[in-house]
Amino acid sequence: MQVPEDYFSLFSLERRFAIDKNALAANFRALQNENHPDRVAADDEQAKLLAVQKSSLLNDAYATLKSPLARAGYLLTLQGVDVEGVSQDDLDMAVLMEQMELREKVAEAPAGEAGLAVLLPIKRDIQSRIAAREQRFVANLEGDDLSSAKRVFHELQFLHKLFQEIEVNEEKRLGY
C-alpha cells in the first residue's frame, strides 16, 4: 500500500461528499485484510511497525469517510480550510437560537419512558435539518463558496451533537 494522496484515493472513491458506502466498506475490508499486522507477525520489528501504521491509517481513513460530519470536515481541510478555528463569522445568531429552542424542547420532555414519544419527533426534525444542511454544504462546496461551506459545517456539528445527546437521553430513560 502506497501513501495515498488523500483518504478518497486510498479507497478508490471520488473526492466528494456523497460516496458509495458499500464500496467504501468493501475497499476497507480488502485493504485491511491485505495490510493486517498478523500477515507480518513472523517478520522483523520494522515490518511489524509498518503494518501497524498502515492499519492505523486505514482505520482513521475509514472512520473519517464513513461519518458524514467527519467527511465534510475532511473535504474542507483538503481545500485548505481550518475547520477547528471558529470565529464569530462562522456562527449565525439564528442558528444559535435554533439550537437553544431545540434544546428547550428536549429539556421539556417528560421524565421516564413517557418522554420518548416527545423526543422521537424532535429527532426526526433534527435528521431533516441535517439532511437539508448537508445539501447546502454540498452546494457551497461545489460552488467553491468555502466560507459558507465552513459555516454550514459548524451548523452540522451543532445538530449532530444535539442528535447524539438525545440518543443518550433516550438510553438513560430506557435504563441502558
N, C-alpha and C. Protein backbone atom coordinates (compact mmCIF):
# COMPACT_ATOMS: atom_id res chain seq x y z
N MET A 1 0.86 -1.18 0.00
CA MET A 1 0.00 0.00 0.00
C MET A 1 0.90 1.24 0.00
N GLN A 2 0.70 2.07 -0.99
CA GLN A 2 1.47 3.30 -1.08
C GLN A 2 0.75 4.40 -0.30
N VAL A 3 1.49 5.43 0.08
CA VAL A 3 0.90 6.55 0.78
C VAL A 3 -0.09 7.24 -0.17
N PRO A 4 -1.35 7.34 0.23
CA PRO A 4 -2.35 7.91 -0.67
C PRO A 4 -2.28 9.43 -0.73
N GLU A 5 -2.81 9.95 -1.83
CA GLU A 5 -2.93 11.40 -1.97
C GLU A 5 -3.90 11.94 -0.91
N ASP A 6 -4.98 11.20 -0.71
CA ASP A 6 -5.97 11.54 0.30
C ASP A 6 -6.76 10.27 0.62
N TYR A 7 -7.64 10.36 1.60
CA TYR A 7 -8.42 9.19 2.02
C TYR A 7 -9.33 8.67 0.91
N PHE A 8 -9.83 9.56 0.08
CA PHE A 8 -10.71 9.13 -1.00
C PHE A 8 -9.95 8.24 -1.99
N SER A 9 -8.77 8.68 -2.38
CA SER A 9 -7.99 7.89 -3.34
C SER A 9 -7.54 6.57 -2.71
N LEU A 10 -7.31 6.56 -1.41
CA LEU A 10 -6.94 5.33 -0.72
C LEU A 10 -7.98 4.24 -0.97
N PHE A 11 -9.24 4.63 -0.97
CA PHE A 11 -10.34 3.67 -1.16
C PHE A 11 -10.92 3.71 -2.58
N SER A 12 -10.21 4.34 -3.50
CA SER A 12 -10.64 4.44 -4.91
C SER A 12 -12.03 5.06 -5.05
N LEU A 13 -12.25 6.14 -4.30
CA LEU A 13 -13.51 6.87 -4.34
C LEU A 13 -13.29 8.26 -4.91
N GLU A 14 -14.35 8.81 -5.50
CA GLU A 14 -14.30 10.19 -5.96
C GLU A 14 -14.25 11.12 -4.75
N ARG A 15 -13.52 12.21 -4.90
CA ARG A 15 -13.40 13.17 -3.80
C ARG A 15 -14.65 14.06 -3.80
N ARG A 16 -15.67 13.63 -3.07
CA ARG A 16 -16.91 14.38 -2.95
C ARG A 16 -17.66 13.95 -1.71
N PHE A 17 -18.67 14.71 -1.33
CA PHE A 17 -19.40 14.41 -0.10
C PHE A 17 -20.20 13.13 -0.21
N ALA A 18 -20.95 12.97 -1.29
CA ALA A 18 -21.76 11.77 -1.47
C ALA A 18 -20.85 10.64 -1.95
N ILE A 19 -20.78 9.58 -1.16
CA ILE A 19 -19.92 8.45 -1.52
C ILE A 19 -20.74 7.17 -1.53
N ASP A 20 -20.20 6.17 -2.18
CA ASP A 20 -20.79 4.84 -2.19
C ASP A 20 -20.30 4.13 -0.92
N LYS A 21 -21.17 4.06 0.08
CA LYS A 21 -20.76 3.48 1.37
C LYS A 21 -20.45 2.00 1.26
N ASN A 22 -21.11 1.30 0.35
CA ASN A 22 -20.81 -0.12 0.15
C ASN A 22 -19.42 -0.30 -0.44
N ALA A 23 -19.06 0.55 -1.39
CA ALA A 23 -17.72 0.49 -1.98
C ALA A 23 -16.67 0.85 -0.93
N LEU A 24 -16.97 1.84 -0.11
CA LEU A 24 -16.05 2.22 0.97
C LEU A 24 -15.80 1.03 1.88
N ALA A 25 -16.86 0.38 2.33
CA ALA A 25 -16.73 -0.76 3.25
C ALA A 25 -15.98 -1.91 2.59
N ALA A 26 -16.32 -2.21 1.34
CA ALA A 26 -15.67 -3.32 0.64
C ALA A 26 -14.18 -3.04 0.43
N ASN A 27 -13.85 -1.83 0.01
CA ASN A 27 -12.45 -1.47 -0.21
C ASN A 27 -11.67 -1.45 1.11
N PHE A 28 -12.32 -1.01 2.18
CA PHE A 28 -11.69 -1.02 3.50
C PHE A 28 -11.36 -2.45 3.92
N ARG A 29 -12.35 -3.34 3.80
CA ARG A 29 -12.11 -4.74 4.20
C ARG A 29 -10.98 -5.36 3.39
N ALA A 30 -10.98 -5.11 2.09
CA ALA A 30 -9.93 -5.68 1.23
C ALA A 30 -8.55 -5.14 1.62
N LEU A 31 -8.45 -3.84 1.81
CA LEU A 31 -7.16 -3.24 2.19
C LEU A 31 -6.74 -3.66 3.60
N GLN A 32 -7.69 -3.74 4.49
CA GLN A 32 -7.37 -4.14 5.86
C GLN A 32 -6.87 -5.59 5.88
N ASN A 33 -7.51 -6.43 5.09
CA ASN A 33 -7.07 -7.83 5.00
C ASN A 33 -5.66 -7.92 4.41
N GLU A 34 -5.44 -7.14 3.37
CA GLU A 34 -4.15 -7.13 2.67
C GLU A 34 -3.02 -6.59 3.55
N ASN A 35 -3.35 -5.64 4.42
CA ASN A 35 -2.32 -4.96 5.21
C ASN A 35 -2.40 -5.26 6.70
N HIS A 36 -3.08 -6.31 7.08
CA HIS A 36 -3.27 -6.61 8.50
C HIS A 36 -1.95 -6.98 9.16
N PRO A 37 -1.69 -6.47 10.36
CA PRO A 37 -0.43 -6.77 11.06
C PRO A 37 -0.17 -8.26 11.26
N ASP A 38 -1.20 -9.08 11.35
CA ASP A 38 -1.00 -10.52 11.54
C ASP A 38 -0.26 -11.15 10.35
N ARG A 39 -0.36 -10.52 9.19
CA ARG A 39 0.31 -11.06 8.00
C ARG A 39 1.84 -10.98 8.10
N VAL A 40 2.33 -10.11 8.99
CA VAL A 40 3.78 -9.95 9.14
C VAL A 40 4.25 -10.31 10.55
N ALA A 41 3.47 -11.13 11.23
CA ALA A 41 3.79 -11.48 12.62
C ALA A 41 5.17 -12.12 12.76
N ALA A 42 5.61 -12.84 11.74
CA ALA A 42 6.92 -13.51 11.81
C ALA A 42 8.06 -12.64 11.28
N ASP A 43 7.74 -11.45 10.76
CA ASP A 43 8.75 -10.57 10.18
C ASP A 43 9.48 -9.77 11.26
N ASP A 44 10.44 -8.97 10.81
CA ASP A 44 11.20 -8.15 11.76
C ASP A 44 10.34 -7.01 12.32
N GLU A 45 10.87 -6.34 13.31
CA GLU A 45 10.13 -5.28 14.01
C GLU A 45 9.73 -4.13 13.09
N GLN A 46 10.59 -3.80 12.15
CA GLN A 46 10.28 -2.69 11.23
C GLN A 46 9.06 -3.04 10.38
N ALA A 47 8.98 -4.26 9.90
CA ALA A 47 7.83 -4.69 9.08
C ALA A 47 6.57 -4.69 9.93
N LYS A 48 6.69 -5.11 11.18
CA LYS A 48 5.53 -5.11 12.09
C LYS A 48 5.05 -3.68 12.35
N LEU A 49 5.98 -2.79 12.60
CA LEU A 49 5.64 -1.38 12.85
C LEU A 49 4.96 -0.77 11.63
N LEU A 50 5.50 -1.03 10.45
CA LEU A 50 4.92 -0.51 9.21
C LEU A 50 3.50 -1.05 9.02
N ALA A 51 3.28 -2.31 9.31
CA ALA A 51 1.94 -2.90 9.19
C ALA A 51 0.96 -2.26 10.16
N VAL A 52 1.39 -1.97 11.37
CA VAL A 52 0.53 -1.31 12.35
C VAL A 52 0.20 0.11 11.89
N GLN A 53 1.19 0.80 11.34
CA GLN A 53 0.95 2.16 10.84
C GLN A 53 -0.03 2.15 9.68
N LYS A 54 0.12 1.20 8.76
CA LYS A 54 -0.81 1.09 7.63
C LYS A 54 -2.22 0.79 8.13
N SER A 55 -2.32 -0.12 9.07
CA SER A 55 -3.62 -0.48 9.62
C SER A 55 -4.27 0.72 10.31
N SER A 56 -3.47 1.48 11.03
CA SER A 56 -3.97 2.68 11.70
C SER A 56 -4.47 3.71 10.69
N LEU A 57 -3.69 3.91 9.62
CA LEU A 57 -4.10 4.84 8.56
C LEU A 57 -5.42 4.40 7.95
N LEU A 58 -5.55 3.13 7.67
CA LEU A 58 -6.79 2.61 7.09
C LEU A 58 -7.97 2.84 8.03
N ASN A 59 -7.77 2.57 9.30
CA ASN A 59 -8.85 2.76 10.28
C ASN A 59 -9.26 4.22 10.38
N ASP A 60 -8.28 5.11 10.43
CA ASP A 60 -8.56 6.54 10.50
C ASP A 60 -9.29 7.02 9.25
N ALA A 61 -8.80 6.59 8.09
CA ALA A 61 -9.41 7.00 6.83
C ALA A 61 -10.84 6.49 6.73
N TYR A 62 -11.05 5.24 7.10
CA TYR A 62 -12.38 4.65 7.04
C TYR A 62 -13.35 5.38 7.97
N ALA A 63 -12.93 5.62 9.20
CA ALA A 63 -13.79 6.32 10.16
C ALA A 63 -14.14 7.72 9.67
N THR A 64 -13.18 8.39 9.07
CA THR A 64 -13.40 9.75 8.57
C THR A 64 -14.41 9.75 7.43
N LEU A 65 -14.25 8.86 6.48
CA LEU A 65 -15.13 8.87 5.32
C LEU A 65 -16.50 8.25 5.62
N LYS A 66 -16.56 7.38 6.59
CA LYS A 66 -17.83 6.73 6.94
C LYS A 66 -18.80 7.74 7.58
N SER A 67 -18.27 8.64 8.36
CA SER A 67 -19.08 9.64 9.06
C SER A 67 -19.33 10.85 8.16
N PRO A 68 -20.58 11.17 7.87
CA PRO A 68 -20.85 12.35 7.02
C PRO A 68 -20.25 13.64 7.59
N LEU A 69 -20.33 13.81 8.90
CA LEU A 69 -19.79 15.02 9.51
C LEU A 69 -18.26 15.07 9.38
N ALA A 70 -17.60 13.98 9.71
CA ALA A 70 -16.14 13.94 9.59
C ALA A 70 -15.72 14.09 8.12
N ARG A 71 -16.49 13.48 7.22
CA ARG A 71 -16.18 13.59 5.79
C ARG A 71 -16.29 15.04 5.32
N ALA A 72 -17.30 15.75 5.80
CA ALA A 72 -17.47 17.17 5.44
C ALA A 72 -16.27 17.98 5.93
N GLY A 73 -15.89 17.76 7.17
CA GLY A 73 -14.73 18.47 7.70
C GLY A 73 -13.46 18.14 6.94
N TYR A 74 -13.31 16.89 6.58
CA TYR A 74 -12.13 16.45 5.83
C TYR A 74 -12.09 17.11 4.44
N LEU A 75 -13.23 17.18 3.79
CA LEU A 75 -13.28 17.83 2.47
C LEU A 75 -12.87 19.30 2.58
N LEU A 76 -13.33 19.96 3.63
CA LEU A 76 -12.92 21.37 3.82
C LEU A 76 -11.42 21.46 4.09
N THR A 77 -10.92 20.55 4.90
CA THR A 77 -9.49 20.55 5.21
C THR A 77 -8.66 20.35 3.94
N LEU A 78 -9.13 19.47 3.07
CA LEU A 78 -8.42 19.26 1.80
C LEU A 78 -8.39 20.53 0.95
N GLN A 79 -9.37 21.41 1.16
CA GLN A 79 -9.43 22.68 0.43
C GLN A 79 -8.64 23.78 1.16
N GLY A 80 -7.98 23.43 2.26
CA GLY A 80 -7.17 24.40 2.99
C GLY A 80 -7.94 25.19 4.02
N VAL A 81 -9.15 24.75 4.36
CA VAL A 81 -9.98 25.45 5.34
C VAL A 81 -9.67 24.91 6.73
N ASP A 82 -9.45 25.81 7.67
CA ASP A 82 -9.23 25.44 9.07
C ASP A 82 -10.58 25.23 9.73
N VAL A 83 -11.01 23.98 9.86
CA VAL A 83 -12.33 23.70 10.43
C VAL A 83 -12.31 23.75 11.96
N GLU A 84 -11.12 23.73 12.55
CA GLU A 84 -11.01 23.78 14.02
C GLU A 84 -11.20 25.21 14.53
N GLY A 85 -10.70 26.16 13.77
CA GLY A 85 -10.82 27.56 14.18
C GLY A 85 -12.21 28.09 13.89
N VAL A 86 -12.86 28.60 14.92
CA VAL A 86 -14.23 29.12 14.77
C VAL A 86 -14.21 30.59 15.15
N SER A 87 -14.73 31.42 14.23
CA SER A 87 -14.83 32.85 14.52
C SER A 87 -16.30 33.24 14.61
N GLN A 88 -16.56 34.45 14.99
CA GLN A 88 -17.94 34.95 15.07
C GLN A 88 -18.64 34.86 13.72
N ASP A 89 -17.87 35.03 12.65
CA ASP A 89 -18.45 34.95 11.30
C ASP A 89 -18.95 33.55 10.97
N ASP A 90 -18.42 32.54 11.68
CA ASP A 90 -18.80 31.16 11.42
C ASP A 90 -20.09 30.76 12.13
N LEU A 91 -20.56 31.61 13.05
CA LEU A 91 -21.74 31.27 13.84
C LEU A 91 -22.83 32.31 13.62
N ASP A 92 -23.92 31.87 13.05
CA ASP A 92 -25.06 32.73 12.78
C ASP A 92 -25.95 32.76 14.02
N MET A 93 -26.40 33.94 14.42
CA MET A 93 -27.25 34.06 15.60
C MET A 93 -28.53 33.25 15.46
N ALA A 94 -29.07 33.17 14.25
CA ALA A 94 -30.29 32.38 14.04
C ALA A 94 -30.04 30.90 14.33
N VAL A 95 -28.86 30.42 14.00
CA VAL A 95 -28.52 29.02 14.26
C VAL A 95 -28.40 28.79 15.76
N LEU A 96 -27.79 29.72 16.45
CA LEU A 96 -27.68 29.60 17.91
C LEU A 96 -29.05 29.61 18.56
N MET A 97 -29.94 30.45 18.07
CA MET A 97 -31.31 30.47 18.60
C MET A 97 -32.03 29.15 18.30
N GLU A 98 -31.83 28.64 17.10
CA GLU A 98 -32.41 27.35 16.72
C GLU A 98 -31.95 26.26 17.70
N GLN A 99 -30.68 26.26 18.01
CA GLN A 99 -30.13 25.28 18.95
C GLN A 99 -30.76 25.41 20.33
N MET A 100 -30.89 26.64 20.80
CA MET A 100 -31.49 26.87 22.12
C MET A 100 -32.94 26.36 22.14
N GLU A 101 -33.70 26.65 21.09
CA GLU A 101 -35.09 26.21 21.02
C GLU A 101 -35.19 24.70 21.01
N LEU A 102 -34.35 24.05 20.23
CA LEU A 102 -34.37 22.58 20.17
C LEU A 102 -33.98 21.98 21.53
N ARG A 103 -32.98 22.56 22.16
CA ARG A 103 -32.56 22.06 23.48
C ARG A 103 -33.66 22.26 24.53
N GLU A 104 -34.39 23.36 24.42
CA GLU A 104 -35.51 23.58 25.35
C GLU A 104 -36.58 22.51 25.16
N LYS A 105 -36.88 22.17 23.91
CA LYS A 105 -37.86 21.12 23.64
C LYS A 105 -37.43 19.80 24.27
N VAL A 106 -36.15 19.49 24.14
CA VAL A 106 -35.63 18.25 24.72
C VAL A 106 -35.74 18.30 26.24
N ALA A 107 -35.38 19.42 26.83
CA ALA A 107 -35.43 19.56 28.29
C ALA A 107 -36.86 19.48 28.83
N GLU A 108 -37.83 19.89 28.02
CA GLU A 108 -39.23 19.89 28.46
C GLU A 108 -39.89 18.52 28.32
N ALA A 109 -39.22 17.56 27.74
CA ALA A 109 -39.79 16.22 27.58
C ALA A 109 -40.03 15.61 28.96
N PRO A 110 -41.17 14.95 29.13
CA PRO A 110 -41.46 14.33 30.42
C PRO A 110 -40.40 13.29 30.80
N ALA A 111 -40.27 13.06 32.08
CA ALA A 111 -39.30 12.09 32.58
C ALA A 111 -39.71 10.66 32.20
N GLY A 112 -38.75 9.77 32.24
CA GLY A 112 -39.02 8.36 32.01
C GLY A 112 -39.38 8.05 30.57
N GLU A 113 -39.98 6.87 30.40
CA GLU A 113 -40.32 6.41 29.05
C GLU A 113 -41.36 7.28 28.38
N ALA A 114 -42.15 8.01 29.16
CA ALA A 114 -43.18 8.88 28.59
C ALA A 114 -42.55 9.96 27.70
N GLY A 115 -41.34 10.36 28.01
CA GLY A 115 -40.66 11.38 27.23
C GLY A 115 -40.19 10.90 25.87
N LEU A 116 -40.11 9.58 25.69
CA LEU A 116 -39.65 9.04 24.40
C LEU A 116 -40.54 9.47 23.25
N ALA A 117 -41.85 9.53 23.50
CA ALA A 117 -42.78 9.94 22.44
C ALA A 117 -42.59 11.40 22.06
N VAL A 118 -42.10 12.20 22.99
CA VAL A 118 -41.82 13.61 22.72
C VAL A 118 -40.49 13.74 21.97
N LEU A 119 -39.52 12.91 22.34
CA LEU A 119 -38.20 13.01 21.73
C LEU A 119 -38.16 12.51 20.29
N LEU A 120 -38.99 11.53 19.95
CA LEU A 120 -38.96 10.96 18.61
C LEU A 120 -39.19 12.00 17.51
N PRO A 121 -40.26 12.83 17.59
CA PRO A 121 -40.42 13.84 16.54
C PRO A 121 -39.30 14.89 16.53
N ILE A 122 -38.70 15.15 17.68
CA ILE A 122 -37.58 16.09 17.73
C ILE A 122 -36.40 15.49 16.97
N LYS A 123 -36.14 14.20 17.19
CA LYS A 123 -35.06 13.53 16.47
C LYS A 123 -35.31 13.56 14.96
N ARG A 124 -36.53 13.29 14.56
CA ARG A 124 -36.86 13.30 13.13
C ARG A 124 -36.66 14.70 12.55
N ASP A 125 -37.04 15.71 13.31
CA ASP A 125 -36.85 17.09 12.87
C ASP A 125 -35.36 17.40 12.70
N ILE A 126 -34.56 16.95 13.64
CA ILE A 126 -33.12 17.19 13.57
C ILE A 126 -32.52 16.45 12.37
N GLN A 127 -32.97 15.22 12.13
CA GLN A 127 -32.49 14.47 10.97
C GLN A 127 -32.82 15.21 9.67
N SER A 128 -34.00 15.78 9.63
CA SER A 128 -34.42 16.54 8.45
C SER A 128 -33.54 17.79 8.29
N ARG A 129 -33.27 18.44 9.39
CA ARG A 129 -32.41 19.64 9.35
C ARG A 129 -30.99 19.27 8.91
N ILE A 130 -30.50 18.12 9.39
CA ILE A 130 -29.17 17.66 8.99
C ILE A 130 -29.14 17.41 7.49
N ALA A 131 -30.15 16.72 6.97
CA ALA A 131 -30.20 16.43 5.53
C ALA A 131 -30.22 17.72 4.71
N ALA A 132 -30.99 18.70 5.15
CA ALA A 132 -31.06 19.98 4.43
C ALA A 132 -29.71 20.70 4.49
N ARG A 133 -29.06 20.67 5.65
CA ARG A 133 -27.75 21.33 5.79
C ARG A 133 -26.71 20.61 4.94
N GLU A 134 -26.78 19.28 4.88
CA GLU A 134 -25.83 18.55 4.05
C GLU A 134 -25.97 18.96 2.58
N GLN A 135 -27.20 19.15 2.12
CA GLN A 135 -27.41 19.60 0.74
C GLN A 135 -26.81 21.00 0.54
N ARG A 136 -27.01 21.88 1.52
CA ARG A 136 -26.42 23.22 1.42
C ARG A 136 -24.91 23.14 1.42
N PHE A 137 -24.37 22.26 2.27
CA PHE A 137 -22.92 22.09 2.34
C PHE A 137 -22.37 21.70 0.97
N VAL A 138 -22.99 20.71 0.34
CA VAL A 138 -22.55 20.23 -0.98
C VAL A 138 -22.63 21.36 -2.00
N ALA A 139 -23.74 22.09 -2.00
CA ALA A 139 -23.91 23.19 -2.95
C ALA A 139 -22.82 24.25 -2.75
N ASN A 140 -22.53 24.57 -1.50
CA ASN A 140 -21.49 25.57 -1.21
C ASN A 140 -20.11 25.05 -1.61
N LEU A 141 -19.83 23.80 -1.29
CA LEU A 141 -18.53 23.23 -1.61
C LEU A 141 -18.33 23.15 -3.12
N GLU A 142 -19.35 22.66 -3.82
CA GLU A 142 -19.25 22.55 -5.28
C GLU A 142 -19.22 23.92 -5.95
N GLY A 143 -19.82 24.91 -5.30
CA GLY A 143 -19.79 26.27 -5.83
C GLY A 143 -18.56 27.03 -5.40
N ASP A 144 -17.64 26.35 -4.73
CA ASP A 144 -16.39 26.93 -4.25
C ASP A 144 -16.60 28.08 -3.27
N ASP A 145 -17.73 28.07 -2.57
CA ASP A 145 -18.00 29.05 -1.53
C ASP A 145 -17.60 28.42 -0.20
N LEU A 146 -16.30 28.41 0.05
CA LEU A 146 -15.75 27.69 1.19
C LEU A 146 -16.14 28.32 2.53
N SER A 147 -16.28 29.63 2.59
CA SER A 147 -16.67 30.25 3.87
C SER A 147 -18.09 29.84 4.24
N SER A 148 -18.99 29.77 3.26
CA SER A 148 -20.36 29.31 3.54
C SER A 148 -20.37 27.82 3.87
N ALA A 149 -19.55 27.06 3.18
CA ALA A 149 -19.46 25.63 3.47
C ALA A 149 -18.97 25.40 4.89
N LYS A 150 -18.00 26.20 5.32
CA LYS A 150 -17.49 26.08 6.69
C LYS A 150 -18.58 26.44 7.70
N ARG A 151 -19.34 27.47 7.41
CA ARG A 151 -20.42 27.89 8.31
C ARG A 151 -21.45 26.76 8.44
N VAL A 152 -21.82 26.15 7.32
CA VAL A 152 -22.78 25.04 7.34
C VAL A 152 -22.19 23.84 8.07
N PHE A 153 -20.90 23.61 7.90
CA PHE A 153 -20.23 22.53 8.62
C PHE A 153 -20.39 22.71 10.13
N HIS A 154 -20.20 23.93 10.60
CA HIS A 154 -20.35 24.18 12.05
C HIS A 154 -21.81 24.00 12.48
N GLU A 155 -22.74 24.35 11.63
CA GLU A 155 -24.16 24.11 11.93
C GLU A 155 -24.42 22.61 12.04
N LEU A 156 -23.82 21.85 11.14
CA LEU A 156 -23.96 20.40 11.19
C LEU A 156 -23.37 19.83 12.48
N GLN A 157 -22.25 20.39 12.92
CA GLN A 157 -21.66 19.93 14.19
C GLN A 157 -22.65 20.10 15.34
N PHE A 158 -23.29 21.26 15.41
CA PHE A 158 -24.28 21.51 16.46
C PHE A 158 -25.41 20.48 16.38
N LEU A 159 -25.94 20.27 15.19
CA LEU A 159 -27.08 19.37 15.03
C LEU A 159 -26.71 17.92 15.36
N HIS A 160 -25.54 17.48 14.91
CA HIS A 160 -25.10 16.12 15.22
C HIS A 160 -24.91 15.93 16.72
N LYS A 161 -24.34 16.94 17.36
CA LYS A 161 -24.13 16.84 18.81
C LYS A 161 -25.46 16.74 19.54
N LEU A 162 -26.42 17.55 19.15
CA LEU A 162 -27.73 17.52 19.78
C LEU A 162 -28.40 16.17 19.54
N PHE A 163 -28.29 15.64 18.32
CA PHE A 163 -28.87 14.34 18.00
C PHE A 163 -28.27 13.26 18.90
N GLN A 164 -26.96 13.27 19.07
CA GLN A 164 -26.29 12.29 19.93
C GLN A 164 -26.73 12.44 21.39
N GLU A 165 -26.90 13.67 21.84
CA GLU A 165 -27.35 13.91 23.21
C GLU A 165 -28.75 13.35 23.42
N ILE A 166 -29.61 13.47 22.42
CA ILE A 166 -30.96 12.93 22.53
C ILE A 166 -30.89 11.40 22.60
N GLU A 167 -30.03 10.80 21.81
CA GLU A 167 -29.91 9.34 21.86
C GLU A 167 -29.43 8.87 23.23
N VAL A 168 -28.49 9.57 23.83
CA VAL A 168 -28.02 9.24 25.18
C VAL A 168 -29.17 9.41 26.17
N ASN A 169 -29.92 10.49 26.00
CA ASN A 169 -31.08 10.77 26.85
C ASN A 169 -32.09 9.62 26.77
N GLU A 170 -32.34 9.14 25.55
CA GLU A 170 -33.27 8.03 25.35
C GLU A 170 -32.77 6.77 26.05
N GLU A 171 -31.49 6.50 25.92
CA GLU A 171 -30.92 5.30 26.54
C GLU A 171 -31.06 5.36 28.06
N LYS A 172 -30.84 6.53 28.63
CA LYS A 172 -30.99 6.68 30.07
C LYS A 172 -32.44 6.43 30.49
N ARG A 173 -33.38 6.95 29.70
CA ARG A 173 -34.79 6.75 30.01
C ARG A 173 -35.19 5.28 29.95
N LEU A 174 -34.49 4.53 29.09
CA LEU A 174 -34.79 3.10 28.95
C LEU A 174 -33.95 2.24 29.91
N GLY A 175 -33.08 2.89 30.66
CA GLY A 175 -32.27 2.18 31.64
C GLY A 175 -31.06 1.45 31.06
N TYR A 176 -30.58 1.88 29.91
CA TYR A 176 -29.39 1.24 29.31
C TYR A 176 -28.14 1.76 29.92
